[in-house]
Amino acid sequence: MANSFNPSSLLLKTKPRLSSYLFTLLSIILFTAIILNTHDFLFIFRPHLQQLHPKTETNTVLFSTVTQSNNTVQEVEKKEEEEEEEKECDLFSGTWVKDELTRPLYEESECPYIQPQLTCQEHGRPDKEYRRLRWQPHGCDLPKFNASLMLETLRGKRMMFVGDSLNRGQYVSLICLLHHLIPQHAKSMETFDSLTVFTAKEYNATIEFYWAPFLLESNSDNAVIHRVTDRIVRKGSINKHGRYWKGADILVFNTYLWWVTGSNMKILLGSFKDEVKEIVEMQTEEAYRMAMKSMLRWVKMNMDPNKTRVFFTSMSPSHGKSIEWGGEPGGNCYNETTPIEEPSYWGSDSLKSIMQVIGEEFRKSKFPITFLNITQLSNYRKDAHTSIYKKQWNPLTPEQLANPASYSDCIHWCLPGLQDTWNELLFAKLFYP
C-alpha cells in the first residue's frame, strides 16, 4: 500500500536540514568577524548600535582626547611663537618717545646724592623736555623699573659699579631710583678714597662705586685728582683694584672714555715704583683688548657664575661735533634740546673698532657676562648732556662766557635723564635674562 503524503512529516524531515544550513551560515559570519578587522566588522552594524546607544562613552572620550590634543598643540605653538617673538626683540633697538605721564622717574630736587656736575636744573637749564623721553624698543616694551623688587633682590647682598665717571653717573641714577623707599635713618653714603658705599641698613645691602677708569692700575687712579694728559696704564695689574671687588654679588663694569686719547696708549711693563720705568706704546684697540682680557680672566678666576651676575656697559657716546647730525660747523651739544631722529646715526666719537674688540673677546669668555649695549640708543641723545648747566670747578674766562660751546660738557649726562634708562635696561636684563 502506497504511503500517503503527510506534509507535517515532510516538515519534520526538513527542519534538521534548515538548522544545519543556518548554523553553517552563522559560523561563516563569526569566522569572518574574527579574521577581518573588528573595527571594520562593527562598522557594518554601526547604524544599529547608534540606535541603541546614540551617545556612547567611548565616542565622547575619543572626541575629548582629540580636542585636548588639538588644544595642547595650539597652546604649544602659541607659546613657541611668543618665545620666538621675545627672542627676536632687541631691547637696545628702538626709538625715543615723549612720555609726560611717567617721566621723569624722580625729581632732581628729591635725590640729594646727585653730584653738582649733573644737576642741570639747579644750574639753570631752561628746558625740561630731555627729562620726558622714554626709550621704546621695536616690537616690545621695556619692563617697568620696580624699586621694591630691586631692593628685595639686593637684601643681604653687595652690588658694585666699577669704572669711570660715566659709570658713577649710572650708579647715582640707581640710588635715586631706590632711595625714596628707604627711611632717612636707614640709609647712608660714605666715600673711602676710590670706593663710595651707599648702605640700605634695613636690607643689609650695599650699592657701591669703585673708581678705576681703565680697570687696570694707572696714573689716573686718584678718585679726585685724576686729570692727567699723559695717561699711563700698567699691564697685568688688575688685581691692584680687583681685590676690592671680591665678594660682590652683582658687578657692573665700564671703561672706554679714558682710552680715547687721539694717539697711542702708553703701557707700563714694570711698576710705578720703579726708578727707571719701561714704557711701550700700543694702538688704542690693542691696549683696550689687553684690558678686556685682564677683566675677563679676573672674573673667571674670582667670580662664581652660580652666585654672581656680571654686566658690562658699552661705550657712552659724546656729542662734540654738531656737523655730524646736520648742525652748524664748530658747534656741539650746547643748546640742543631734541634727540637725533636718524635711526642709523653713529657719532665718530664712538669707535666701532672698540666695539669689535669687545665682541671678539666676550665671545671667547666662558663666564657669562651680560652686555648692556647702550651706545646706539645714547647716540641719539645729543640733548641729554649737562652742557654748560653744571658746577664749574674753575672760573670761566671772558672768552668762554662769550662762546658757551667752548666749555660745554658733551660727555656727561643730566640726572634725571638718559642714565635712568640705562638702569631700566640693567633691571630688565637682571630679572628677565
Protein backbone atom coordinates (compact mmCIF):
# COMPACT_ATOMS: atom_id res chain seq x y z
CA MET A 1 0.00 0.00 0.00
CA ALA A 2 1.43 3.27 -1.03
CA ASN A 3 2.36 5.70 1.73
CA SER A 4 0.05 8.68 1.90
CA PHE A 5 1.55 12.20 1.64
CA ASN A 6 1.91 13.86 5.04
CA PRO A 7 3.04 17.48 4.93
CA SER A 8 3.88 17.53 8.58
CA SER A 9 6.20 14.61 8.22
CA LEU A 10 7.98 16.46 5.42
CA LEU A 11 8.31 19.49 7.56
CA LEU A 12 9.81 17.41 10.33
CA LYS A 13 12.29 15.91 7.98
CA THR A 14 13.22 19.35 6.54
CA LYS A 15 13.85 21.16 9.88
CA PRO A 16 17.13 19.46 10.65
CA ARG A 17 18.48 20.37 7.17
CA LEU A 18 17.44 24.06 7.57
CA SER A 19 19.02 24.29 11.01
CA SER A 20 22.20 22.86 9.59
CA TYR A 21 22.31 25.47 6.84
CA LEU A 22 21.60 28.26 9.33
CA PHE A 23 24.29 27.03 11.70
CA THR A 24 26.80 26.90 8.87
CA LEU A 25 25.91 30.46 7.77
CA LEU A 26 26.32 31.85 11.30
CA SER A 27 29.61 30.03 11.67
CA ILE A 28 30.91 31.64 8.47
CA ILE A 29 29.85 35.10 9.69
CA LEU A 30 31.52 34.60 13.05
CA PHE A 31 34.69 33.31 11.43
CA THR A 32 34.74 36.33 9.10
CA ALA A 33 34.38 38.65 12.08
CA ILE A 34 37.44 37.15 13.68
CA ILE A 35 39.53 37.22 10.53
CA LEU A 36 38.53 40.73 9.47
CA ASN A 37 39.37 43.85 11.47
CA THR A 38 36.94 44.03 14.35
CA HIS A 39 36.50 47.77 13.88
CA ASP A 40 35.53 47.25 10.23
CA PHE A 41 33.20 44.47 11.19
CA LEU A 42 31.40 46.62 13.75
CA PHE A 43 31.21 49.40 11.21
CA ILE A 44 28.68 47.24 9.30
CA PHE A 45 26.38 47.33 12.30
CA ARG A 46 27.14 50.91 13.39
CA PRO A 47 23.72 52.31 12.43
CA HIS A 48 22.07 49.75 14.66
CA LEU A 49 24.49 50.34 17.52
CA GLN A 50 23.92 54.07 17.29
CA GLN A 51 20.20 53.48 17.55
CA LEU A 52 20.77 51.53 20.75
CA HIS A 53 23.48 53.90 22.13
CA PRO A 54 23.28 57.23 20.33
CA LYS A 55 26.00 58.81 22.59
CA THR A 56 28.48 56.20 23.60
CA GLU A 57 31.02 56.98 26.30
CA THR A 58 33.79 55.77 24.02
CA ASN A 59 32.99 58.32 21.36
CA THR A 60 32.90 61.08 24.00
CA VAL A 61 36.29 60.12 25.43
CA LEU A 62 37.86 59.87 21.98
CA PHE A 63 36.50 63.29 20.99
CA SER A 64 37.62 64.81 24.24
CA THR A 65 41.10 63.37 23.80
CA VAL A 66 41.38 64.71 20.26
CA THR A 67 40.11 68.13 21.36
CA GLN A 68 42.54 68.29 24.26
CA SER A 69 45.32 67.17 21.97
CA ASN A 70 44.46 69.87 19.43
CA ASN A 71 44.27 72.50 22.19
CA THR A 72 47.62 71.38 23.57
CA VAL A 73 49.23 71.61 20.15
CA GLN A 74 47.77 75.09 19.66
CA GLU A 75 48.99 76.19 23.09
CA VAL A 76 52.48 74.86 22.45
CA GLU A 77 52.60 76.54 19.04
CA LYS A 78 51.37 79.81 20.55
CA LYS A 79 53.95 79.61 23.34
CA GLU A 80 56.71 78.90 20.83
CA GLU A 81 55.61 81.90 18.77
CA GLU A 82 55.63 84.13 21.86
CA GLU A 83 59.06 82.86 22.88
CA GLU A 84 60.30 83.44 19.35
CA GLU A 85 58.95 87.00 19.45
CA GLU A 86 60.65 87.61 22.80
CA LYS A 87 63.85 86.11 21.45
CA GLU A 88 63.74 88.34 18.42
CA CYS A 89 63.00 91.52 20.39
CA ASP A 90 66.14 93.58 20.94
CA LEU A 91 65.68 95.91 23.91
CA PHE A 92 68.54 98.06 22.66
CA SER A 93 66.96 98.76 19.27
CA GLY A 94 64.14 101.28 19.32
CA THR A 95 63.24 104.96 19.41
CA TRP A 96 62.74 107.75 21.91
CA VAL A 97 59.11 108.77 22.54
CA LYS A 98 57.66 111.62 24.55
CA ASP A 99 56.06 110.49 27.82
CA GLU A 100 54.74 113.18 30.14
CA LEU A 101 52.89 110.66 32.36
CA THR A 102 55.77 108.51 33.64
CA ARG A 103 58.83 110.72 33.04
CA PRO A 104 60.95 111.73 34.81
CA LEU A 105 61.20 108.73 37.14
CA TYR A 106 62.15 111.08 40.02
CA GLU A 107 62.82 114.77 40.54
CA GLU A 108 66.29 116.22 40.72
CA SER A 109 65.45 118.01 43.98
CA GLU A 110 64.29 114.73 45.56
CA CYS A 111 67.65 112.98 45.21
CA PRO A 112 70.40 114.52 47.37
CA TYR A 113 73.00 112.06 46.04
CA ILE A 114 73.41 113.67 42.59
CA GLN A 115 76.77 115.38 42.21
CA PRO A 116 76.66 119.08 41.30
CA GLN A 117 78.26 118.17 37.94
CA LEU A 118 74.96 116.51 36.96
CA THR A 119 72.26 118.76 38.46
CA CYS A 120 71.28 120.61 35.30
CA GLN A 121 68.05 122.17 36.56
CA GLU A 122 69.75 123.55 39.64
CA HIS A 123 72.36 125.15 37.42
CA GLY A 124 69.86 126.94 35.22
CA ARG A 125 68.95 124.66 32.34
CA PRO A 126 65.79 126.31 30.96
CA ASP A 127 64.24 123.36 29.07
CA LYS A 128 62.86 120.13 30.56
CA GLU A 129 61.86 118.08 27.54
CA TYR A 130 65.02 115.98 27.78
CA ARG A 131 63.61 114.50 31.01
CA ARG A 132 60.32 113.46 29.42
CA LEU A 133 61.61 110.98 26.86
CA ARG A 134 61.16 107.24 27.25
CA TRP A 135 63.01 104.50 25.37
CA GLN A 136 60.62 102.36 23.31
CA PRO A 137 62.14 99.17 21.85
CA HIS A 138 60.85 97.98 18.48
CA GLY A 139 58.29 95.18 18.85
CA CYS A 140 58.17 95.01 22.66
CA ASP A 141 58.10 97.09 25.82
CA LEU A 142 60.86 97.73 28.31
CA PRO A 143 59.81 96.24 31.68
CA LYS A 144 58.86 98.87 34.24
CA PHE A 145 61.53 99.52 36.84
CA ASN A 146 60.35 98.03 40.14
CA ALA A 147 62.23 99.62 43.04
CA SER A 148 60.70 97.30 45.67
CA LEU A 149 61.70 94.18 43.73
CA MET A 150 65.19 95.54 43.21
CA LEU A 151 65.69 96.26 46.90
CA GLU A 152 64.35 92.86 47.94
CA THR A 153 66.71 91.20 45.48
CA LEU A 154 69.60 93.16 46.98
CA ARG A 155 68.70 92.14 50.54
CA GLY A 156 71.83 90.79 52.20
CA LYS A 157 73.84 91.43 49.02
CA ARG A 158 76.52 93.68 47.62
CA MET A 159 76.21 95.40 44.25
CA MET A 160 79.15 97.26 42.76
CA PHE A 161 79.76 99.57 39.78
CA VAL A 162 83.38 99.68 38.60
CA GLY A 163 84.75 102.18 36.10
CA ASP A 164 84.84 105.89 35.31
CA SER A 165 82.63 108.92 35.94
CA LEU A 166 80.03 107.72 33.45
CA ASN A 167 79.60 104.52 35.42
CA ARG A 168 79.39 106.66 38.55
CA GLY A 169 76.54 108.56 36.90
CA GLN A 170 74.67 105.30 36.36
CA TYR A 171 75.44 104.32 39.95
CA VAL A 172 73.94 107.56 41.30
CA SER A 173 70.94 107.15 39.00
CA LEU A 174 70.21 103.74 40.52
CA ILE A 175 70.38 105.14 44.04
CA CYS A 176 67.97 107.91 43.03
CA LEU A 177 65.57 105.25 41.72
CA LEU A 178 65.70 103.32 45.01
CA HIS A 179 66.36 105.61 47.95
CA HIS A 180 62.80 107.00 48.31
CA LEU A 181 61.66 103.60 49.61
CA ILE A 182 64.23 103.68 52.42
CA PRO A 183 63.61 105.77 55.58
CA GLN A 184 66.11 108.57 56.15
CA HIS A 185 67.56 106.96 59.28
CA ALA A 186 68.11 103.64 57.46
CA LYS A 187 70.38 104.81 54.64
CA SER A 188 73.79 106.39 54.32
CA MET A 189 76.50 107.17 51.78
CA GLU A 190 80.21 107.23 52.56
CA THR A 191 83.36 107.61 50.47
CA PHE A 192 86.68 105.89 51.19
CA ASP A 193 89.28 107.01 48.64
CA SER A 194 88.26 105.22 45.40
CA LEU A 195 85.24 103.49 46.97
CA THR A 196 81.82 105.05 47.55
CA VAL A 197 79.28 102.98 49.51
CA PHE A 198 75.53 103.51 49.77
CA THR A 199 74.05 101.39 52.56
CA ALA A 200 70.40 100.33 52.89
CA LYS A 201 70.55 99.26 56.55
CA GLU A 202 67.16 97.56 56.81
CA TYR A 203 68.03 95.43 53.79
CA ASN A 204 71.58 94.72 54.91
CA ALA A 205 72.56 95.73 51.39
CA THR A 206 75.19 97.98 49.84
CA ILE A 207 75.41 99.59 46.41
CA GLU A 208 78.97 100.68 45.72
CA PHE A 209 81.04 102.53 43.17
CA TYR A 210 84.75 101.92 42.67
CA TRP A 211 86.80 104.40 40.66
CA ALA A 212 89.01 102.59 38.12
CA PRO A 213 88.76 104.35 34.75
CA PHE A 214 90.99 101.80 32.99
CA LEU A 215 90.11 98.84 35.25
CA LEU A 216 93.87 98.27 35.31
CA GLU A 217 96.21 100.30 37.54
CA SER A 218 97.04 103.70 36.04
CA ASN A 219 98.34 107.15 36.90
CA SER A 220 94.70 108.32 36.88
CA ASP A 221 93.52 106.22 39.82
CA ASN A 222 93.08 109.08 42.27
CA ALA A 223 89.31 109.47 42.52
CA VAL A 224 89.60 113.25 42.98
CA ILE A 225 92.77 114.35 41.22
CA HIS A 226 92.98 112.36 38.01
CA ARG A 227 93.04 114.83 35.16
CA VAL A 228 96.37 113.95 33.60
CA THR A 229 97.15 114.43 29.93
CA ASP A 230 99.95 111.87 29.84
CA ARG A 231 98.00 108.74 30.73
CA ILE A 232 99.89 105.57 31.58
CA VAL A 233 98.35 102.13 32.20
CA ARG A 234 100.21 99.30 33.89
CA LYS A 235 99.97 95.94 32.13
CA GLY A 236 98.72 92.92 34.11
CA SER A 237 97.74 94.98 37.14
CA ILE A 238 94.02 94.32 37.52
CA ASN A 239 94.47 92.72 40.95
CA LYS A 240 95.53 96.13 42.29
CA HIS A 241 91.85 97.10 42.08
CA GLY A 242 90.26 93.67 41.83
CA ARG A 243 90.89 92.81 45.49
CA TYR A 244 88.20 95.37 46.37
CA TRP A 245 85.67 93.80 44.01
CA LYS A 246 85.77 90.32 45.52
CA GLY A 247 82.59 89.25 47.27
CA ALA A 248 80.26 91.36 45.13
CA ASP A 249 77.01 89.65 44.11
CA ILE A 250 76.35 91.96 41.15
CA LEU A 251 79.17 93.65 39.24
CA VAL A 252 78.68 96.35 36.58
CA PHE A 253 81.85 97.26 34.66
CA ASN A 254 82.53 100.03 32.18
CA THR A 255 85.65 101.53 30.60
CA TYR A 256 86.08 103.49 27.39
CA LEU A 257 86.37 107.26 27.60
CA TRP A 258 89.84 107.32 29.13
CA TRP A 259 91.28 105.08 26.43
CA VAL A 260 90.40 107.54 23.65
CA THR A 261 93.29 109.99 23.66
CA GLY A 262 93.69 110.56 19.94
CA SER A 263 97.07 108.85 19.99
CA ASN A 264 98.69 105.59 21.08
CA MET A 265 98.37 104.43 24.69
CA LYS A 266 101.40 104.29 26.96
CA ILE A 267 101.72 100.93 28.69
CA LEU A 268 103.93 100.41 31.73
CA LEU A 269 105.59 96.97 31.77
CA GLY A 270 107.05 97.17 35.26
CA SER A 271 105.88 99.05 38.35
CA PHE A 272 105.09 102.67 39.04
CA LYS A 273 107.63 102.41 41.87
CA ASP A 274 110.49 101.60 39.51
CA GLU A 275 113.05 104.39 39.24
CA VAL A 276 113.53 103.66 35.57
CA LYS A 277 110.17 102.86 34.03
CA GLU A 278 109.84 100.66 30.97
CA ILE A 279 107.04 102.11 28.88
CA VAL A 280 105.89 100.98 25.44
CA GLU A 281 103.22 102.37 23.15
CA MET A 282 100.26 100.41 21.85
CA GLN A 283 97.45 101.25 19.49
CA THR A 284 94.25 102.12 21.34
CA GLU A 285 92.43 98.98 20.20
CA GLU A 286 95.22 96.63 21.26
CA ALA A 287 95.63 98.34 24.61
CA TYR A 288 91.88 98.10 25.15
CA ARG A 289 91.98 94.41 24.19
CA MET A 290 94.65 93.90 26.84
CA ALA A 291 92.27 95.38 29.45
CA MET A 292 89.34 93.26 28.30
CA LYS A 293 91.39 90.08 28.51
CA SER A 294 92.54 91.01 32.01
CA MET A 295 89.00 91.74 33.16
CA LEU A 296 87.58 88.52 31.72
CA ARG A 297 90.42 86.48 33.22
CA TRP A 298 89.89 88.11 36.62
CA VAL A 299 86.13 87.43 36.51
CA LYS A 300 86.70 83.79 35.60
CA MET A 301 89.17 83.28 38.45
CA ASN A 302 87.34 85.21 41.17
CA MET A 303 83.60 85.06 40.48
CA ASP A 304 81.15 82.15 40.80
CA PRO A 305 78.65 82.17 37.90
CA ASN A 306 76.09 80.45 40.14
CA LYS A 307 76.22 83.27 42.68
CA THR A 308 77.32 86.38 40.80
CA ARG A 309 75.85 88.36 37.90
CA VAL A 310 78.35 90.34 35.86
CA PHE A 311 77.41 93.16 33.47
CA PHE A 312 79.46 95.27 31.10
CA THR A 313 78.14 98.63 29.88
CA SER A 314 79.23 99.60 26.39
CA MET A 315 80.76 102.95 25.48
CA SER A 316 78.91 106.11 26.38
CA PRO A 317 78.93 108.43 23.33
CA SER A 318 79.80 112.11 23.31
CA HIS A 319 78.43 114.80 21.00
CA GLY A 320 81.25 117.19 20.23
CA LYS A 321 80.65 117.79 16.51
CA SER A 322 77.22 119.11 15.58
CA ILE A 323 78.06 118.97 11.88
CA GLU A 324 77.71 115.17 12.13
CA TRP A 325 73.95 115.43 12.75
CA GLY A 326 73.33 118.33 10.37
CA GLY A 327 74.18 121.21 12.71
CA GLU A 328 76.41 124.20 12.20
CA PRO A 329 80.16 123.66 11.87
CA GLY A 330 82.02 124.30 15.10
CA GLY A 331 79.01 123.51 17.28
CA ASN A 332 78.41 120.70 19.73
CA CYS A 333 75.71 119.62 22.19
CA TYR A 334 75.27 123.17 23.52
CA ASN A 335 71.70 124.43 23.05
CA GLU A 336 70.50 121.05 21.75
CA THR A 337 67.01 120.25 23.06
CA THR A 338 65.80 117.38 20.85
CA PRO A 339 67.20 113.92 20.08
CA ILE A 340 68.62 112.81 16.75
CA GLU A 341 65.92 111.04 14.73
CA GLU A 342 68.08 109.37 12.08
CA PRO A 343 67.99 105.64 13.04
CA SER A 344 71.42 104.90 11.59
CA TYR A 345 73.20 107.81 13.26
CA TRP A 346 76.52 106.88 14.83
CA GLY A 347 78.89 109.57 16.09
CA SER A 348 82.56 109.47 15.23
CA ASP A 349 83.48 109.62 18.92
CA SER A 350 82.09 106.09 19.37
CA LEU A 351 84.82 103.92 17.88
CA LYS A 352 83.35 100.87 16.18
CA SER A 353 86.78 99.28 16.32
CA ILE A 354 86.47 99.22 20.12
CA MET A 355 83.03 97.60 19.85
CA GLN A 356 84.62 94.98 17.63
CA VAL A 357 87.29 94.25 20.24
CA ILE A 358 84.61 93.85 22.93
CA GLY A 359 82.65 91.45 20.75
CA GLU A 360 85.69 89.35 19.87
CA GLU A 361 86.89 88.99 23.46
CA PHE A 362 83.47 88.44 25.02
CA ARG A 363 82.72 85.63 22.58
CA LYS A 364 85.75 83.77 23.94
CA SER A 365 84.65 84.14 27.57
CA LYS A 366 83.40 81.02 29.34
CA PHE A 367 81.96 83.12 32.17
CA PRO A 368 78.50 84.52 31.32
CA ILE A 369 78.66 88.32 31.10
CA THR A 370 75.59 90.40 30.20
CA PHE A 371 76.39 93.14 27.70
CA LEU A 372 74.41 96.36 28.16
CA ASN A 373 74.62 97.85 24.68
CA ILE A 374 73.64 101.45 25.47
CA THR A 375 75.78 103.07 22.74
CA GLN A 376 73.30 103.33 19.86
CA LEU A 377 70.33 104.49 21.93
CA SER A 378 72.55 107.06 23.69
CA ASN A 379 73.98 108.24 20.37
CA TYR A 380 70.57 109.75 19.60
CA ARG A 381 70.59 111.88 22.78
CA LYS A 382 72.56 114.98 21.88
CA ASP A 383 70.04 116.84 24.05
CA ALA A 384 70.71 114.94 27.30
CA HIS A 385 74.21 116.17 28.19
CA THR A 386 74.97 118.53 31.05
CA SER A 387 76.35 121.05 28.57
CA ILE A 388 77.02 124.32 30.47
CA TYR A 389 74.45 123.57 33.18
CA LYS A 390 76.73 122.16 35.88
CA LYS A 391 79.11 123.25 38.58
CA GLN A 392 82.22 124.81 37.06
CA TRP A 393 85.32 123.97 39.08
CA ASN A 394 87.33 126.84 37.65
CA PRO A 395 86.25 130.44 36.97
CA LEU A 396 85.17 130.97 33.38
CA THR A 397 87.17 133.33 31.21
CA PRO A 398 85.56 136.18 29.25
CA GLU A 399 86.28 134.24 26.06
CA GLN A 400 84.44 131.18 27.38
CA LEU A 401 81.48 133.25 28.51
CA ALA A 402 81.30 134.76 25.04
CA ASN A 403 81.23 131.30 23.48
CA PRO A 404 79.36 128.80 25.71
CA ALA A 405 80.01 125.93 23.31
CA SER A 406 83.70 126.21 24.16
CA TYR A 407 83.15 124.91 27.71
CA SER A 408 80.04 122.82 27.14
CA ASP A 409 80.29 119.31 28.65
CA CYS A 410 79.11 116.95 25.91
CA ILE A 411 80.31 113.83 27.72
CA HIS A 412 78.33 113.58 30.96
CA TRP A 413 74.55 113.36 31.32
CA CYS A 414 71.95 115.28 33.32
CA LEU A 415 70.09 113.46 36.11
CA PRO A 416 67.29 112.60 35.97
CA GLY A 417 67.69 111.68 32.35
CA LEU A 418 69.29 109.22 29.96
CA GLN A 419 71.16 107.15 32.55
CA ASP A 420 67.89 106.21 34.25
CA THR A 421 67.14 104.31 31.04
CA TRP A 422 70.47 102.51 31.35
CA ASN A 423 69.29 101.26 34.73
CA GLU A 424 65.92 100.24 33.32
CA LEU A 425 67.83 98.09 30.84
CA LEU A 426 70.03 96.75 33.63
CA PHE A 427 66.87 95.89 35.61
CA ALA A 428 65.35 94.15 32.58
CA LYS A 429 68.46 92.05 31.97
CA LEU A 430 68.80 91.25 35.66
CA PHE A 431 65.26 89.93 36.08
CA TYR A 432 64.38 88.88 32.50
CA PRO A 433 67.65 87.50 31.10
